[in-house]
Amino acid sequence: MKRETTAVVLALGSNNEQRKNISACKRMLEQYFPGIVFTRQLWTDPIGMVSPKFLNCLACFNTTHTLYQLQVAIRNIEGRCGNRKAFRTRSIISIDVDILLYGDKKLHEADWERPYVKELMESLPQGLTPTFP
């Protein structure tokens, strides 16, 4: 029996060796989730911290993974990209991957209001761009 797939939207961001870390993260995500599609990348000012600019993009794909399995995979990728709690306490974000959407479940509600997220959401492939009231 074939499992049903769920649409996922991720937000990726880095403020440390931004191009290198975003590229490494994308490669790992492609290994975990064949067919993943990425938006263009945008430079943004940090929110709520003093740090260098962030490089951000969104990713979307369909998966048969549960939300928990997806969270575990993302934590693994973040760790492999050098994400460490000790760095984060000093506002060094090697990579941050947030699940914005899992099926019809919206996560990280505040992120949806960020201008770069709104802008990049418009560039997602048709059929995966969620519409909410």
N, C-alpha and C. Protein backbone atom coordinates (compact mmCIF):
# COMPACT_ATOMS: atom_id res chain seq x y z
N MET A 1 0.84 -1.18 0.00
CA MET A 1 0.00 0.00 0.00
C MET A 1 0.88 1.25 0.00
N LYS A 2 0.62 2.14 -0.93
CA LYS A 2 1.41 3.35 -1.05
C LYS A 2 0.92 4.39 -0.05
N ARG A 3 1.88 5.00 0.68
CA ARG A 3 1.53 6.03 1.65
C ARG A 3 1.26 7.34 0.93
N GLU A 4 0.32 8.08 1.48
CA GLU A 4 -0.01 9.39 0.92
C GLU A 4 1.12 10.38 1.20
N THR A 5 1.34 11.31 0.27
CA THR A 5 2.38 12.30 0.47
C THR A 5 1.81 13.58 1.08
N THR A 6 2.68 14.29 1.74
CA THR A 6 2.33 15.55 2.40
C THR A 6 3.22 16.65 1.86
N ALA A 7 2.62 17.81 1.54
CA ALA A 7 3.39 18.96 1.07
C ALA A 7 4.11 19.61 2.25
N VAL A 8 5.36 20.00 2.02
CA VAL A 8 6.18 20.61 3.06
C VAL A 8 6.83 21.88 2.50
N VAL A 9 6.90 22.92 3.32
CA VAL A 9 7.65 24.12 3.00
C VAL A 9 8.62 24.36 4.15
N LEU A 10 9.89 24.53 3.79
CA LEU A 10 10.94 24.80 4.77
C LEU A 10 11.52 26.20 4.54
N ALA A 11 11.99 26.83 5.60
CA ALA A 11 12.74 28.08 5.51
C ALA A 11 14.17 27.78 5.95
N LEU A 12 15.13 28.18 5.12
CA LEU A 12 16.54 27.99 5.43
C LEU A 12 17.18 29.36 5.65
N GLY A 13 18.06 29.45 6.63
CA GLY A 13 18.76 30.70 6.86
C GLY A 13 20.12 30.46 7.50
N SER A 14 21.06 31.38 7.19
CA SER A 14 22.41 31.30 7.75
C SER A 14 22.99 32.71 7.84
N ASN A 15 23.72 32.98 8.95
CA ASN A 15 24.42 34.25 9.06
C ASN A 15 25.93 34.05 9.23
N ASN A 16 26.40 32.83 8.99
CA ASN A 16 27.81 32.50 9.14
C ASN A 16 28.25 31.65 7.95
N GLU A 17 29.24 32.14 7.21
CA GLU A 17 29.64 31.44 5.98
C GLU A 17 28.39 31.07 5.20
N GLN A 18 27.58 32.09 4.96
CA GLN A 18 26.22 31.91 4.47
C GLN A 18 26.13 31.07 3.19
N ARG A 19 26.85 31.45 2.16
CA ARG A 19 26.74 30.71 0.89
C ARG A 19 27.16 29.25 1.05
N LYS A 20 28.26 29.04 1.76
CA LYS A 20 28.77 27.67 1.97
C LYS A 20 27.75 26.83 2.74
N ASN A 21 27.22 27.37 3.82
CA ASN A 21 26.30 26.60 4.65
C ASN A 21 24.94 26.37 3.99
N ILE A 22 24.43 27.36 3.28
CA ILE A 22 23.16 27.16 2.56
C ILE A 22 23.36 26.10 1.48
N SER A 23 24.47 26.17 0.75
CA SER A 23 24.74 25.17 -0.30
C SER A 23 24.86 23.76 0.26
N ALA A 24 25.59 23.62 1.37
CA ALA A 24 25.74 22.30 2.00
C ALA A 24 24.39 21.77 2.46
N CYS A 25 23.59 22.64 3.06
CA CYS A 25 22.27 22.23 3.54
C CYS A 25 21.39 21.79 2.37
N LYS A 26 21.42 22.54 1.29
CA LYS A 26 20.62 22.17 0.11
C LYS A 26 21.01 20.79 -0.41
N ARG A 27 22.31 20.54 -0.49
CA ARG A 27 22.77 19.22 -0.99
C ARG A 27 22.25 18.09 -0.10
N MET A 28 22.31 18.30 1.21
CA MET A 28 21.83 17.25 2.13
C MET A 28 20.32 17.08 2.03
N LEU A 29 19.60 18.18 1.93
CA LEU A 29 18.14 18.09 1.78
C LEU A 29 17.79 17.34 0.49
N GLU A 30 18.54 17.57 -0.57
CA GLU A 30 18.29 16.86 -1.84
C GLU A 30 18.50 15.36 -1.68
N GLN A 31 19.44 14.95 -0.84
CA GLN A 31 19.67 13.53 -0.60
C GLN A 31 18.51 12.91 0.18
N TYR A 32 17.99 13.62 1.15
CA TYR A 32 16.89 13.13 1.97
C TYR A 32 15.55 13.18 1.22
N PHE A 33 15.37 14.23 0.42
CA PHE A 33 14.06 14.50 -0.18
C PHE A 33 14.19 14.73 -1.68
N PRO A 34 14.28 13.65 -2.46
CA PRO A 34 14.38 13.80 -3.92
C PRO A 34 13.19 14.62 -4.44
N GLY A 35 13.46 15.47 -5.39
CA GLY A 35 12.40 16.30 -5.96
C GLY A 35 12.21 17.63 -5.25
N ILE A 36 13.00 17.89 -4.21
CA ILE A 36 12.88 19.16 -3.49
C ILE A 36 13.21 20.31 -4.43
N VAL A 37 12.50 21.41 -4.27
CA VAL A 37 12.69 22.60 -5.10
C VAL A 37 13.01 23.77 -4.17
N PHE A 38 13.98 24.59 -4.57
CA PHE A 38 14.39 25.74 -3.77
C PHE A 38 14.04 27.04 -4.49
N THR A 39 13.70 28.05 -3.69
CA THR A 39 13.49 29.38 -4.24
C THR A 39 14.85 30.05 -4.44
N ARG A 40 14.82 31.24 -4.99
CA ARG A 40 16.04 32.04 -5.05
C ARG A 40 16.42 32.39 -3.61
N GLN A 41 17.63 32.90 -3.45
CA GLN A 41 18.12 33.26 -2.12
C GLN A 41 18.05 34.78 -1.95
N LEU A 42 17.73 35.22 -0.74
CA LEU A 42 17.65 36.64 -0.41
C LEU A 42 18.51 36.95 0.80
N TRP A 43 19.20 38.07 0.74
CA TRP A 43 19.93 38.58 1.91
C TRP A 43 18.96 39.40 2.74
N THR A 44 18.98 39.18 4.06
CA THR A 44 18.08 39.91 4.95
C THR A 44 18.83 40.37 6.19
N ASP A 45 18.32 41.43 6.79
CA ASP A 45 18.87 41.91 8.05
C ASP A 45 18.43 40.96 9.17
N PRO A 46 19.25 40.79 10.18
CA PRO A 46 18.87 39.93 11.30
C PRO A 46 17.67 40.49 12.05
N ILE A 47 16.89 39.61 12.62
CA ILE A 47 15.71 39.99 13.41
C ILE A 47 15.96 39.54 14.84
N GLY A 48 15.95 40.49 15.76
CA GLY A 48 16.08 40.16 17.18
C GLY A 48 17.48 39.82 17.65
N MET A 49 18.48 40.13 16.84
CA MET A 49 19.87 39.87 17.26
C MET A 49 20.80 40.79 16.48
N VAL A 50 21.99 40.96 17.01
CA VAL A 50 23.03 41.70 16.31
C VAL A 50 23.93 40.67 15.66
N SER A 51 23.98 40.71 14.32
CA SER A 51 24.78 39.72 13.61
C SER A 51 24.96 40.18 12.17
N PRO A 52 25.79 39.47 11.42
CA PRO A 52 25.86 39.74 9.98
C PRO A 52 24.51 39.44 9.33
N LYS A 53 24.36 39.86 8.08
CA LYS A 53 23.14 39.58 7.34
C LYS A 53 22.93 38.07 7.20
N PHE A 54 21.68 37.70 7.05
CA PHE A 54 21.31 36.31 6.79
C PHE A 54 21.13 36.09 5.30
N LEU A 55 21.44 34.91 4.85
CA LEU A 55 21.07 34.45 3.52
C LEU A 55 19.93 33.46 3.74
N ASN A 56 18.81 33.68 3.04
CA ASN A 56 17.60 32.88 3.24
C ASN A 56 17.07 32.34 1.93
N CYS A 57 16.38 31.23 2.01
CA CYS A 57 15.59 30.71 0.89
C CYS A 57 14.53 29.79 1.46
N LEU A 58 13.59 29.41 0.62
CA LEU A 58 12.57 28.43 0.99
C LEU A 58 12.77 27.19 0.15
N ALA A 59 12.24 26.09 0.63
CA ALA A 59 12.28 24.82 -0.10
C ALA A 59 10.91 24.19 0.01
N CYS A 60 10.51 23.46 -1.02
CA CYS A 60 9.24 22.73 -0.94
C CYS A 60 9.39 21.37 -1.61
N PHE A 61 8.60 20.44 -1.10
CA PHE A 61 8.62 19.07 -1.62
C PHE A 61 7.44 18.33 -1.03
N ASN A 62 7.20 17.15 -1.55
CA ASN A 62 6.19 16.24 -1.00
C ASN A 62 6.93 15.08 -0.37
N THR A 63 6.41 14.60 0.75
CA THR A 63 7.08 13.51 1.46
C THR A 63 6.06 12.54 2.04
N THR A 64 6.53 11.32 2.27
CA THR A 64 5.73 10.34 3.00
C THR A 64 6.16 10.30 4.47
N HIS A 65 7.18 11.09 4.83
CA HIS A 65 7.65 11.14 6.21
C HIS A 65 6.59 11.75 7.13
N THR A 66 6.54 11.28 8.35
CA THR A 66 5.70 11.92 9.36
C THR A 66 6.38 13.23 9.77
N LEU A 67 5.64 14.08 10.46
CA LEU A 67 6.22 15.33 10.94
C LEU A 67 7.41 15.04 11.85
N TYR A 68 7.28 14.07 12.72
CA TYR A 68 8.38 13.71 13.62
C TYR A 68 9.61 13.26 12.83
N GLN A 69 9.42 12.40 11.85
CA GLN A 69 10.55 11.93 11.03
C GLN A 69 11.22 13.10 10.31
N LEU A 70 10.42 14.03 9.84
CA LEU A 70 10.94 15.22 9.17
C LEU A 70 11.77 16.06 10.15
N GLN A 71 11.27 16.25 11.36
CA GLN A 71 11.99 17.03 12.37
C GLN A 71 13.33 16.38 12.71
N VAL A 72 13.36 15.07 12.83
CA VAL A 72 14.60 14.35 13.13
C VAL A 72 15.59 14.53 11.98
N ALA A 73 15.14 14.38 10.75
CA ALA A 73 16.01 14.54 9.59
C ALA A 73 16.60 15.95 9.53
N ILE A 74 15.78 16.95 9.81
CA ILE A 74 16.25 18.34 9.77
C ILE A 74 17.26 18.60 10.88
N ARG A 75 17.02 18.11 12.07
CA ARG A 75 18.00 18.27 13.16
C ARG A 75 19.34 17.63 12.79
N ASN A 76 19.27 16.48 12.15
CA ASN A 76 20.48 15.79 11.69
C ASN A 76 21.23 16.66 10.68
N ILE A 77 20.53 17.20 9.72
CA ILE A 77 21.15 18.06 8.70
C ILE A 77 21.74 19.31 9.34
N GLU A 78 20.99 19.95 10.23
CA GLU A 78 21.52 21.15 10.91
C GLU A 78 22.81 20.82 11.65
N GLY A 79 22.85 19.70 12.32
CA GLY A 79 24.06 19.30 13.04
C GLY A 79 25.22 19.05 12.10
N ARG A 80 24.96 18.39 10.99
CA ARG A 80 26.00 18.12 10.00
C ARG A 80 26.51 19.40 9.35
N CYS A 81 25.70 20.45 9.36
CA CYS A 81 26.09 21.75 8.80
C CYS A 81 26.75 22.65 9.85
N GLY A 82 27.01 22.12 11.04
CA GLY A 82 27.73 22.89 12.05
C GLY A 82 26.87 23.66 13.02
N ASN A 83 25.57 23.43 13.01
CA ASN A 83 24.69 24.12 13.96
C ASN A 83 24.99 23.61 15.37
N ARG A 84 25.34 24.53 16.25
CA ARG A 84 25.65 24.18 17.64
C ARG A 84 24.99 25.16 18.58
N LYS A 85 24.49 24.65 19.70
CA LYS A 85 23.85 25.51 20.70
C LYS A 85 24.81 26.58 21.20
N ALA A 86 26.07 26.21 21.41
CA ALA A 86 27.07 27.17 21.91
C ALA A 86 27.25 28.33 20.93
N PHE A 87 27.19 28.05 19.63
CA PHE A 87 27.29 29.12 18.63
C PHE A 87 26.06 30.00 18.66
N ARG A 88 24.89 29.36 18.76
CA ARG A 88 23.63 30.12 18.74
C ARG A 88 23.55 31.12 19.90
N THR A 89 24.11 30.76 21.05
CA THR A 89 24.09 31.69 22.18
C THR A 89 24.93 32.93 21.88
N ARG A 90 25.83 32.83 20.89
CA ARG A 90 26.63 33.98 20.46
C ARG A 90 26.13 34.55 19.14
N SER A 91 24.89 34.23 18.78
CA SER A 91 24.23 34.72 17.55
C SER A 91 24.94 34.27 16.28
N ILE A 92 25.59 33.11 16.33
CA ILE A 92 26.20 32.52 15.14
C ILE A 92 25.29 31.39 14.69
N ILE A 93 24.66 31.60 13.55
CA ILE A 93 23.71 30.60 13.03
C ILE A 93 24.31 30.00 11.75
N SER A 94 24.96 28.85 11.90
CA SER A 94 25.53 28.19 10.72
C SER A 94 24.43 27.84 9.75
N ILE A 95 23.37 27.24 10.28
CA ILE A 95 22.19 26.93 9.46
C ILE A 95 20.98 26.80 10.39
N ASP A 96 19.87 27.31 9.93
CA ASP A 96 18.61 27.15 10.64
C ASP A 96 17.60 26.69 9.60
N VAL A 97 16.96 25.58 9.86
CA VAL A 97 15.93 25.07 8.96
C VAL A 97 14.65 24.95 9.77
N ASP A 98 13.65 25.72 9.37
CA ASP A 98 12.36 25.69 10.05
C ASP A 98 11.30 25.11 9.12
N ILE A 99 10.45 24.26 9.68
CA ILE A 99 9.31 23.74 8.93
C ILE A 99 8.20 24.78 9.03
N LEU A 100 7.89 25.41 7.91
CA LEU A 100 6.81 26.41 7.89
C LEU A 100 5.46 25.76 7.67
N LEU A 101 5.46 24.70 6.87
CA LEU A 101 4.21 24.06 6.52
C LEU A 101 4.41 22.56 6.43
N TYR A 102 3.49 21.82 7.06
CA TYR A 102 3.46 20.37 6.93
C TYR A 102 2.01 20.03 6.63
N GLY A 103 1.72 19.73 5.38
CA GLY A 103 0.34 19.49 4.97
C GLY A 103 -0.46 20.77 5.14
N ASP A 104 -1.51 20.70 5.93
CA ASP A 104 -2.32 21.90 6.18
C ASP A 104 -1.97 22.53 7.53
N LYS A 105 -0.88 22.06 8.15
CA LYS A 105 -0.48 22.57 9.46
C LYS A 105 0.59 23.65 9.29
N LYS A 106 0.25 24.86 9.69
CA LYS A 106 1.18 25.99 9.67
C LYS A 106 1.99 26.00 10.96
N LEU A 107 3.31 26.08 10.82
CA LEU A 107 4.21 26.15 11.97
C LEU A 107 4.99 27.46 11.90
N HIS A 108 5.62 27.84 12.98
CA HIS A 108 6.40 29.08 13.04
C HIS A 108 5.57 30.26 12.54
N GLU A 109 4.43 30.44 13.16
CA GLU A 109 3.44 31.45 12.73
C GLU A 109 4.05 32.83 12.49
N ALA A 110 4.93 33.28 13.38
CA ALA A 110 5.51 34.63 13.25
C ALA A 110 6.34 34.75 11.98
N ASP A 111 6.98 33.66 11.55
CA ASP A 111 7.81 33.71 10.35
C ASP A 111 6.99 34.02 9.09
N TRP A 112 5.73 33.61 9.08
CA TRP A 112 4.87 33.83 7.92
C TRP A 112 4.67 35.33 7.66
N GLU A 113 4.87 36.16 8.66
CA GLU A 113 4.68 37.60 8.51
C GLU A 113 5.94 38.31 8.05
N ARG A 114 7.04 37.63 8.01
CA ARG A 114 8.30 38.27 7.59
C ARG A 114 8.25 38.56 6.09
N PRO A 115 8.67 39.77 5.71
CA PRO A 115 8.59 40.16 4.29
C PRO A 115 9.30 39.19 3.34
N TYR A 116 10.47 38.68 3.72
CA TYR A 116 11.18 37.79 2.80
C TYR A 116 10.43 36.47 2.63
N VAL A 117 9.77 35.99 3.69
CA VAL A 117 8.99 34.74 3.57
C VAL A 117 7.81 34.97 2.63
N LYS A 118 7.11 36.08 2.80
CA LYS A 118 5.98 36.39 1.91
C LYS A 118 6.45 36.48 0.47
N GLU A 119 7.58 37.17 0.25
CA GLU A 119 8.10 37.33 -1.11
C GLU A 119 8.49 35.99 -1.72
N LEU A 120 9.20 35.17 -0.96
CA LEU A 120 9.64 33.88 -1.49
C LEU A 120 8.50 32.89 -1.65
N MET A 121 7.47 32.98 -0.80
CA MET A 121 6.31 32.10 -0.95
C MET A 121 5.66 32.28 -2.32
N GLU A 122 5.69 33.49 -2.83
CA GLU A 122 5.09 33.77 -4.14
C GLU A 122 5.83 33.08 -5.27
N SER A 123 7.09 32.70 -5.04
CA SER A 123 7.87 32.08 -6.10
C SER A 123 7.88 30.55 -6.02
N LEU A 124 7.14 29.98 -5.07
CA LEU A 124 7.05 28.52 -5.00
C LEU A 124 6.25 27.99 -6.18
N PRO A 125 6.53 26.77 -6.60
CA PRO A 125 5.78 26.18 -7.72
C PRO A 125 4.27 26.13 -7.44
N GLN A 126 3.48 26.37 -8.47
CA GLN A 126 2.02 26.29 -8.35
C GLN A 126 1.64 24.91 -7.81
N GLY A 127 0.63 24.89 -6.99
CA GLY A 127 0.18 23.63 -6.42
C GLY A 127 0.78 23.35 -5.06
N LEU A 128 1.94 23.97 -4.78
CA LEU A 128 2.53 23.79 -3.47
C LEU A 128 2.41 25.06 -2.64
N THR A 129 2.04 26.15 -3.28
CA THR A 129 1.89 27.40 -2.53
C THR A 129 0.60 27.32 -1.74
N PRO A 130 0.69 27.35 -0.42
CA PRO A 130 -0.52 27.25 0.39
C PRO A 130 -1.34 28.53 0.34
N THR A 131 -2.62 28.37 0.48
CA THR A 131 -3.49 29.53 0.57
C THR A 131 -4.24 29.44 1.89
N PHE A 132 -4.12 30.47 2.68
CA PHE A 132 -4.76 30.52 3.99
C PHE A 132 -5.59 31.77 4.07
N PRO A 133 -6.67 31.72 4.84
CA PRO A 133 -7.48 32.92 4.99
C PRO A 133 -6.73 34.03 5.70
